All heavy atoms as atom14 arrays in JSON, in Angstrom:
{
  "sequence": "VPLSLIVTGANVNDGKRLDEVLSAIMVKRKAPPL",
  "atom14_mask": [
    [1, 1, 1, 1, 1, 1, 1, 0, 0, 0, 0, 0, 0, 0],
    [1, 1, 1, 1, 1, 1, 1, 0, 0, 0, 0, 0, 0, 0],
    [1, 1, 1, 1, 1, 1, 1, 1, 0, 0, 0, 0, 0, 0],
    [1, 1, 1, 1, 1, 1, 0, 0, 0, 0, 0, 0, 0, 0],
    [1, 1, 1, 1, 1, 1, 1, 1, 0, 0, 0, 0, 0, 0],
    [1, 1, 1, 1, 1, 1, 1, 1, 0, 0, 0, 0, 0, 0],
    [1, 1, 1, 1, 1, 1, 1, 0, 0, 0, 0, 0, 0, 0],
    [1, 1, 1, 1, 1, 1, 1, 0, 0, 0, 0, 0, 0, 0],
    [1, 1, 1, 1, 0, 0, 0, 0, 0, 0, 0, 0, 0, 0],
    [1, 1, 1, 1, 1, 0, 0, 0, 0, 0, 0, 0, 0, 0],
    [1, 1, 1, 1, 1, 1, 1, 1, 0, 0, 0, 0, 0, 0],
    [1, 1, 1, 1, 1, 1, 1, 0, 0, 0, 0, 0, 0, 0],
    [1, 1, 1, 1, 1, 1, 1, 1, 0, 0, 0, 0, 0, 0],
    [1, 1, 1, 1, 1, 1, 1, 1, 0, 0, 0, 0, 0, 0],
    [1, 1, 1, 1, 0, 0, 0, 0, 0, 0, 0, 0, 0, 0],
    [1, 1, 1, 1, 1, 1, 1, 1, 1, 0, 0, 0, 0, 0],
    [1, 1, 1, 1, 1, 1, 1, 1, 1, 1, 1, 0, 0, 0],
    [1, 1, 1, 1, 1, 1, 1, 1, 0, 0, 0, 0, 0, 0],
    [1, 1, 1, 1, 1, 1, 1, 1, 0, 0, 0, 0, 0, 0],
    [1, 1, 1, 1, 1, 1, 1, 1, 1, 0, 0, 0, 0, 0],
    [1, 1, 1, 1, 1, 1, 1, 0, 0, 0, 0, 0, 0, 0],
    [1, 1, 1, 1, 1, 1, 1, 1, 0, 0, 0, 0, 0, 0],
    [1, 1, 1, 1, 1, 1, 0, 0, 0, 0, 0, 0, 0, 0],
    [1, 1, 1, 1, 1, 0, 0, 0, 0, 0, 0, 0, 0, 0],
    [1, 1, 1, 1, 1, 1, 1, 1, 0, 0, 0, 0, 0, 0],
    [1, 1, 1, 1, 1, 1, 1, 1, 0, 0, 0, 0, 0, 0],
    [1, 1, 1, 1, 1, 1, 1, 0, 0, 0, 0, 0, 0, 0],
    [1, 1, 1, 1, 1, 1, 1, 1, 1, 0, 0, 0, 0, 0],
    [1, 1, 1, 1, 1, 1, 1, 1, 1, 1, 1, 0, 0, 0],
    [1, 1, 1, 1, 1, 1, 1, 1, 1, 0, 0, 0, 0, 0],
    [1, 1, 1, 1, 1, 0, 0, 0, 0, 0, 0, 0, 0, 0],
    [1, 1, 1, 1, 1, 1, 1, 0, 0, 0, 0, 0, 0, 0],
    [1, 1, 1, 1, 1, 1, 1, 0, 0, 0, 0, 0, 0, 0],
    [1, 1, 1, 1, 1, 1, 1, 1, 0, 0, 0, 0, 0, 0]
  ],
  "atom14_positions": [
    [[6.89, -5.56, 66.63], [7.97, -5.39, 65.66], [7.37, -5.09, 64.29], [6.48, -5.81, 63.83], [8.83, -6.66, 65.59], [9.9, -6.54, 64.5], [9.48, -6.93, 66.94], [0.0, 0.0, 0.0], [0.0, 0.0, 0.0], [0.0, 0.0, 0.0], [0.0, 0.0, 0.0], [0.0, 0.0, 0.0], [0.0, 0.0, 0.0], [0.0, 0.0, 0.0]],
    [[7.81, -4.03, 63.62], [7.21, -3.64, 62.32], [7.48, -4.66, 61.22], [8.62, -5.07, 61.0], [7.87, -2.29, 62.01], [9.15, -2.31, 62.79], [8.88, -3.1, 64.03], [0.0, 0.0, 0.0], [0.0, 0.0, 0.0], [0.0, 0.0, 0.0], [0.0, 0.0, 0.0], [0.0, 0.0, 0.0], [0.0, 0.0, 0.0], [0.0, 0.0, 0.0]],
    [[6.4, -5.05, 60.54], [6.48, -6.0, 59.43], [6.26, -5.32, 58.09], [6.71, -5.8, 57.05], [5.44, -7.11, 59.6], [5.51, -7.94, 60.89], [4.33, -8.89, 60.95], [6.83, -8.71, 60.95], [0.0, 0.0, 0.0], [0.0, 0.0, 0.0], [0.0, 0.0, 0.0], [0.0, 0.0, 0.0], [0.0, 0.0, 0.0], [0.0, 0.0, 0.0]],
    [[5.52, -4.2, 58.1], [5.18, -3.49, 56.86], [5.02, -2.02, 57.18], [4.56, -1.67, 58.28], [3.89, -4.06, 56.26], [3.48, -3.3, 55.15], [0.0, 0.0, 0.0], [0.0, 0.0, 0.0], [0.0, 0.0, 0.0], [0.0, 0.0, 0.0], [0.0, 0.0, 0.0], [0.0, 0.0, 0.0], [0.0, 0.0, 0.0], [0.0, 0.0, 0.0]],
    [[5.39, -1.17, 56.21], [5.35, 0.28, 56.45], [5.19, 1.0, 55.12], [5.9, 0.71, 54.16], [6.64, 0.72, 57.14], [6.85, 2.17, 57.53], [7.86, 2.24, 58.68], [7.35, 3.03, 56.37], [0.0, 0.0, 0.0], [0.0, 0.0, 0.0], [0.0, 0.0, 0.0], [0.0, 0.0, 0.0], [0.0, 0.0, 0.0], [0.0, 0.0, 0.0]],
    [[4.26, 1.94, 55.06], [4.15, 2.85, 53.93], [3.89, 4.25, 54.46], [3.43, 4.42, 55.6], [3.05, 2.43, 52.93], [1.67, 2.58, 53.56], [3.27, 1.03, 52.4], [0.55, 2.45, 52.55], [0.0, 0.0, 0.0], [0.0, 0.0, 0.0], [0.0, 0.0, 0.0], [0.0, 0.0, 0.0], [0.0, 0.0, 0.0], [0.0, 0.0, 0.0]],
    [[4.17, 5.25, 53.64], [3.98, 6.66, 54.02], [3.04, 7.31, 53.01], [3.2, 7.13, 51.8], [5.32, 7.41, 54.07], [5.09, 8.9, 54.32], [6.22, 6.83, 55.16], [0.0, 0.0, 0.0], [0.0, 0.0, 0.0], [0.0, 0.0, 0.0], [0.0, 0.0, 0.0], [0.0, 0.0, 0.0], [0.0, 0.0, 0.0], [0.0, 0.0, 0.0]],
    [[2.06, 8.08, 53.52], [1.12, 8.8, 52.68], [0.91, 10.19, 53.24], [1.5, 10.57, 54.26], [-0.24, 8.08, 52.62], [-0.85, 8.14, 53.93], [-0.1, 6.63, 52.2], [0.0, 0.0, 0.0], [0.0, 0.0, 0.0], [0.0, 0.0, 0.0], [0.0, 0.0, 0.0], [0.0, 0.0, 0.0], [0.0, 0.0, 0.0], [0.0, 0.0, 0.0]],
    [[0.05, 10.95, 52.58], [-0.37, 12.24, 53.13], [-1.24, 12.03, 54.36], [-1.89, 10.99, 54.52], [0.0, 0.0, 0.0], [0.0, 0.0, 0.0], [0.0, 0.0, 0.0], [0.0, 0.0, 0.0], [0.0, 0.0, 0.0], [0.0, 0.0, 0.0], [0.0, 0.0, 0.0], [0.0, 0.0, 0.0], [0.0, 0.0, 0.0], [0.0, 0.0, 0.0]],
    [[-1.27, 13.02, 55.23], [-2.03, 12.9, 56.48], [-3.53, 12.79, 56.24], [-4.26, 12.3, 57.1], [-1.73, 14.09, 57.39], [0.0, 0.0, 0.0], [0.0, 0.0, 0.0], [0.0, 0.0, 0.0], [0.0, 0.0, 0.0], [0.0, 0.0, 0.0], [0.0, 0.0, 0.0], [0.0, 0.0, 0.0], [0.0, 0.0, 0.0], [0.0, 0.0, 0.0]],
    [[-3.99, 13.25, 55.09], [-5.42, 13.23, 54.81], [-5.9, 11.92, 54.19], [-7.08, 11.79, 53.83], [-5.78, 14.39, 53.87], [-5.01, 14.34, 52.56], [-3.88, 13.84, 52.51], [-5.61, 14.86, 51.5], [0.0, 0.0, 0.0], [0.0, 0.0, 0.0], [0.0, 0.0, 0.0], [0.0, 0.0, 0.0], [0.0, 0.0, 0.0], [0.0, 0.0, 0.0]],
    [[-5.02, 10.94, 54.06], [-5.39, 9.64, 53.48], [-5.97, 8.75, 54.58], [-5.31, 8.51, 55.59], [-4.17, 8.96, 52.82], [-4.55, 7.57, 52.31], [-3.64, 9.82, 51.69], [0.0, 0.0, 0.0], [0.0, 0.0, 0.0], [0.0, 0.0, 0.0], [0.0, 0.0, 0.0], [0.0, 0.0, 0.0], [0.0, 0.0, 0.0], [0.0, 0.0, 0.0]],
    [[-7.17, 8.27, 54.37], [-7.82, 7.4, 55.35], [-7.05, 6.08, 55.48], [-6.57, 5.53, 54.5], [-9.26, 7.14, 54.92], [-10.03, 6.33, 55.94], [-10.0, 5.1, 55.91], [-10.73, 7.0, 56.84], [0.0, 0.0, 0.0], [0.0, 0.0, 0.0], [0.0, 0.0, 0.0], [0.0, 0.0, 0.0], [0.0, 0.0, 0.0], [0.0, 0.0, 0.0]],
    [[-6.98, 5.58, 56.71], [-6.25, 4.34, 56.96], [-6.75, 3.19, 56.08], [-5.96, 2.42, 55.54], [-6.36, 3.94, 58.44], [-5.59, 4.87, 59.35], [-4.69, 5.57, 58.85], [-5.89, 4.9, 60.56], [0.0, 0.0, 0.0], [0.0, 0.0, 0.0], [0.0, 0.0, 0.0], [0.0, 0.0, 0.0], [0.0, 0.0, 0.0], [0.0, 0.0, 0.0]],
    [[-8.06, 3.09, 55.95], [-8.64, 1.98, 55.19], [-8.28, 2.01, 53.72], [-8.26, 0.96, 53.06], [0.0, 0.0, 0.0], [0.0, 0.0, 0.0], [0.0, 0.0, 0.0], [0.0, 0.0, 0.0], [0.0, 0.0, 0.0], [0.0, 0.0, 0.0], [0.0, 0.0, 0.0], [0.0, 0.0, 0.0], [0.0, 0.0, 0.0], [0.0, 0.0, 0.0]],
    [[-7.97, 3.19, 53.16], [-7.65, 3.31, 51.74], [-6.31, 2.67, 51.4], [-6.04, 2.37, 50.24], [-7.63, 4.78, 51.33], [-8.97, 5.5, 51.47], [-10.03, 4.88, 50.56], [-11.34, 5.65, 50.65], [-12.4, 5.03, 49.8], [0.0, 0.0, 0.0], [0.0, 0.0, 0.0], [0.0, 0.0, 0.0], [0.0, 0.0, 0.0], [0.0, 0.0, 0.0]],
    [[-5.46, 2.5, 52.39], [-4.14, 1.9, 52.15], [-4.0, 0.54, 52.82], [-2.91, 0.0, 52.93], [-3.04, 2.84, 52.66], [-2.92, 4.13, 51.86], [-2.45, 3.83, 50.44], [-2.22, 5.05, 49.67], [-3.12, 5.65, 48.92], [-4.34, 5.13, 48.83], [-2.83, 6.75, 48.24], [0.0, 0.0, 0.0], [0.0, 0.0, 0.0], [0.0, 0.0, 0.0]],
    [[-5.13, -0.03, 53.26], [-5.09, -1.3, 53.97], [-4.49, -2.41, 53.11], [-3.6, -3.15, 53.55], [-6.51, -1.67, 54.43], [-6.68, -3.05, 55.08], [-5.81, -3.17, 56.31], [-8.15, -3.28, 55.43], [0.0, 0.0, 0.0], [0.0, 0.0, 0.0], [0.0, 0.0, 0.0], [0.0, 0.0, 0.0], [0.0, 0.0, 0.0], [0.0, 0.0, 0.0]],
    [[-4.98, -2.55, 51.89], [-4.49, -3.62, 51.02], [-3.01, -3.44, 50.72], [-2.25, -4.42, 50.7], [-5.3, -3.63, 49.72], [-4.88, -4.76, 48.8], [-5.09, -5.93, 49.16], [-4.33, -4.48, 47.72], [0.0, 0.0, 0.0], [0.0, 0.0, 0.0], [0.0, 0.0, 0.0], [0.0, 0.0, 0.0], [0.0, 0.0, 0.0], [0.0, 0.0, 0.0]],
    [[-2.59, -2.2, 50.52], [-1.18, -1.93, 50.23], [-0.29, -2.3, 51.4], [0.79, -2.88, 51.23], [-1.01, -0.44, 49.88], [0.39, -0.08, 49.42], [0.49, 1.37, 49.01], [-0.56, 2.05, 48.91], [1.63, 1.84, 48.79], [0.0, 0.0, 0.0], [0.0, 0.0, 0.0], [0.0, 0.0, 0.0], [0.0, 0.0, 0.0], [0.0, 0.0, 0.0]],
    [[-0.74, -1.99, 52.62], [0.06, -2.3, 53.8], [0.16, -3.82, 53.99], [1.24, -4.36, 54.25], [-0.55, -1.65, 55.06], [0.21, -2.07, 56.31], [-0.53, -0.13, 54.94], [0.0, 0.0, 0.0], [0.0, 0.0, 0.0], [0.0, 0.0, 0.0], [0.0, 0.0, 0.0], [0.0, 0.0, 0.0], [0.0, 0.0, 0.0], [0.0, 0.0, 0.0]],
    [[-0.96, -4.52, 53.86], [-0.95, -5.97, 54.06], [-0.17, -6.69, 52.96], [0.29, -7.81, 53.16], [-2.39, -6.49, 54.11], [-3.24, -6.01, 55.28], [-4.63, -6.62, 55.21], [-2.58, -6.34, 56.62], [0.0, 0.0, 0.0], [0.0, 0.0, 0.0], [0.0, 0.0, 0.0], [0.0, 0.0, 0.0], [0.0, 0.0, 0.0], [0.0, 0.0, 0.0]],
    [[-0.03, -6.05, 51.81], [0.7, -6.66, 50.69], [2.19, -6.37, 50.74], [2.96, -6.94, 49.97], [0.14, -6.17, 49.36], [-1.23, -6.5, 49.22], [0.0, 0.0, 0.0], [0.0, 0.0, 0.0], [0.0, 0.0, 0.0], [0.0, 0.0, 0.0], [0.0, 0.0, 0.0], [0.0, 0.0, 0.0], [0.0, 0.0, 0.0], [0.0, 0.0, 0.0]],
    [[2.6, -5.45, 51.62], [4.0, -4.99, 51.63], [4.8, -5.57, 52.78], [5.81, -4.99, 53.18], [4.02, -3.46, 51.7], [0.0, 0.0, 0.0], [0.0, 0.0, 0.0], [0.0, 0.0, 0.0], [0.0, 0.0, 0.0], [0.0, 0.0, 0.0], [0.0, 0.0, 0.0], [0.0, 0.0, 0.0], [0.0, 0.0, 0.0], [0.0, 0.0, 0.0]],
    [[4.37, -6.71, 53.33], [5.12, -7.33, 54.43], [6.52, -7.69, 53.94], [6.69, -8.29, 52.88], [4.37, -8.57, 54.96], [3.02, -8.16, 55.55], [5.21, -9.3, 56.0], [2.2, -9.32, 56.07], [0.0, 0.0, 0.0], [0.0, 0.0, 0.0], [0.0, 0.0, 0.0], [0.0, 0.0, 0.0], [0.0, 0.0, 0.0], [0.0, 0.0, 0.0]],
    [[7.54, -7.35, 54.72], [8.92, -7.48, 54.29], [9.4, -8.92, 54.26], [10.3, -9.27, 53.5], [9.83, -6.66, 55.21], [9.56, -5.16, 55.15], [9.76, -4.47, 53.5], [11.5, -4.74, 53.23], [0.0, 0.0, 0.0], [0.0, 0.0, 0.0], [0.0, 0.0, 0.0], [0.0, 0.0, 0.0], [0.0, 0.0, 0.0], [0.0, 0.0, 0.0]],
    [[8.86, -9.77, 55.11], [9.23, -11.19, 55.12], [7.97, -12.02, 54.95], [6.92, -11.67, 55.48], [9.96, -11.57, 56.42], [11.34, -10.94, 56.47], [9.16, -11.19, 57.65], [0.0, 0.0, 0.0], [0.0, 0.0, 0.0], [0.0, 0.0, 0.0], [0.0, 0.0, 0.0], [0.0, 0.0, 0.0], [0.0, 0.0, 0.0], [0.0, 0.0, 0.0]],
    [[8.07, -13.09, 54.21], [6.92, -13.92, 53.95], [6.82, -15.04, 54.97], [7.81, -15.65, 55.36], [6.99, -14.5, 52.53], [7.03, -13.44, 51.44], [5.8, -12.53, 51.53], [5.85, -11.46, 50.43], [4.69, -10.52, 50.53], [0.0, 0.0, 0.0], [0.0, 0.0, 0.0], [0.0, 0.0, 0.0], [0.0, 0.0, 0.0], [0.0, 0.0, 0.0]],
    [[5.6, -15.31, 55.39], [5.33, -16.37, 56.35], [4.76, -17.58, 55.61], [3.97, -17.43, 54.68], [4.31, -15.89, 57.38], [3.9, -16.95, 58.4], [2.64, -16.52, 59.12], [2.3, -17.43, 60.19], [1.17, -17.41, 60.89], [0.27, -16.5, 60.59], [0.94, -18.27, 61.85], [0.0, 0.0, 0.0], [0.0, 0.0, 0.0], [0.0, 0.0, 0.0]],
    [[5.17, -18.75, 56.05], [4.58, -19.95, 55.49], [3.1, -19.99, 55.86], [2.71, -19.55, 56.94], [5.29, -21.18, 56.04], [6.74, -21.31, 55.59], [7.37, -22.58, 56.15], [8.82, -22.7, 55.71], [9.46, -23.92, 56.26], [0.0, 0.0, 0.0], [0.0, 0.0, 0.0], [0.0, 0.0, 0.0], [0.0, 0.0, 0.0], [0.0, 0.0, 0.0]],
    [[2.3, -20.5, 54.97], [0.86, -20.55, 55.21], [0.57, -21.3, 56.5], [1.03, -22.44, 56.67], [0.16, -21.23, 54.04], [0.0, 0.0, 0.0], [0.0, 0.0, 0.0], [0.0, 0.0, 0.0], [0.0, 0.0, 0.0], [0.0, 0.0, 0.0], [0.0, 0.0, 0.0], [0.0, 0.0, 0.0], [0.0, 0.0, 0.0], [0.0, 0.0, 0.0]],
    [[-0.14, -20.66, 57.44], [-0.44, -21.34, 58.71], [-1.34, -22.55, 58.48], [-2.19, -22.54, 57.57], [-1.17, -20.26, 59.53], [-1.72, -19.33, 58.51], [-0.75, -19.34, 57.37], [0.0, 0.0, 0.0], [0.0, 0.0, 0.0], [0.0, 0.0, 0.0], [0.0, 0.0, 0.0], [0.0, 0.0, 0.0], [0.0, 0.0, 0.0], [0.0, 0.0, 0.0]],
    [[-1.17, -23.61, 59.25], [-1.98, -24.81, 59.05], [-3.45, -24.6, 59.34], [-4.3, -25.26, 58.75], [-1.36, -25.83, 60.03], [-0.69, -24.98, 61.07], [-0.21, -23.76, 60.35], [0.0, 0.0, 0.0], [0.0, 0.0, 0.0], [0.0, 0.0, 0.0], [0.0, 0.0, 0.0], [0.0, 0.0, 0.0], [0.0, 0.0, 0.0], [0.0, 0.0, 0.0]],
    [[-3.75, -23.68, 60.24], [-5.13, -23.41, 60.61], [-5.43, -21.93, 60.45], [-4.6, -21.08, 60.77], [-5.4, -23.84, 62.06], [-5.19, -25.33, 62.38], [-5.34, -25.57, 63.86], [-6.17, -26.19, 61.59], [0.0, 0.0, 0.0], [0.0, 0.0, 0.0], [0.0, 0.0, 0.0], [0.0, 0.0, 0.0], [0.0, 0.0, 0.0], [0.0, 0.0, 0.0]]
  ]
}
């Protein structure tokens, strides 16, 4: 189930948008205990 989504140009490396994708999660999760 999709939690985060962004759109870029096809020539953008996946790793260059990693932080943006991980920061754009639509719902926040409580900090896991472990």
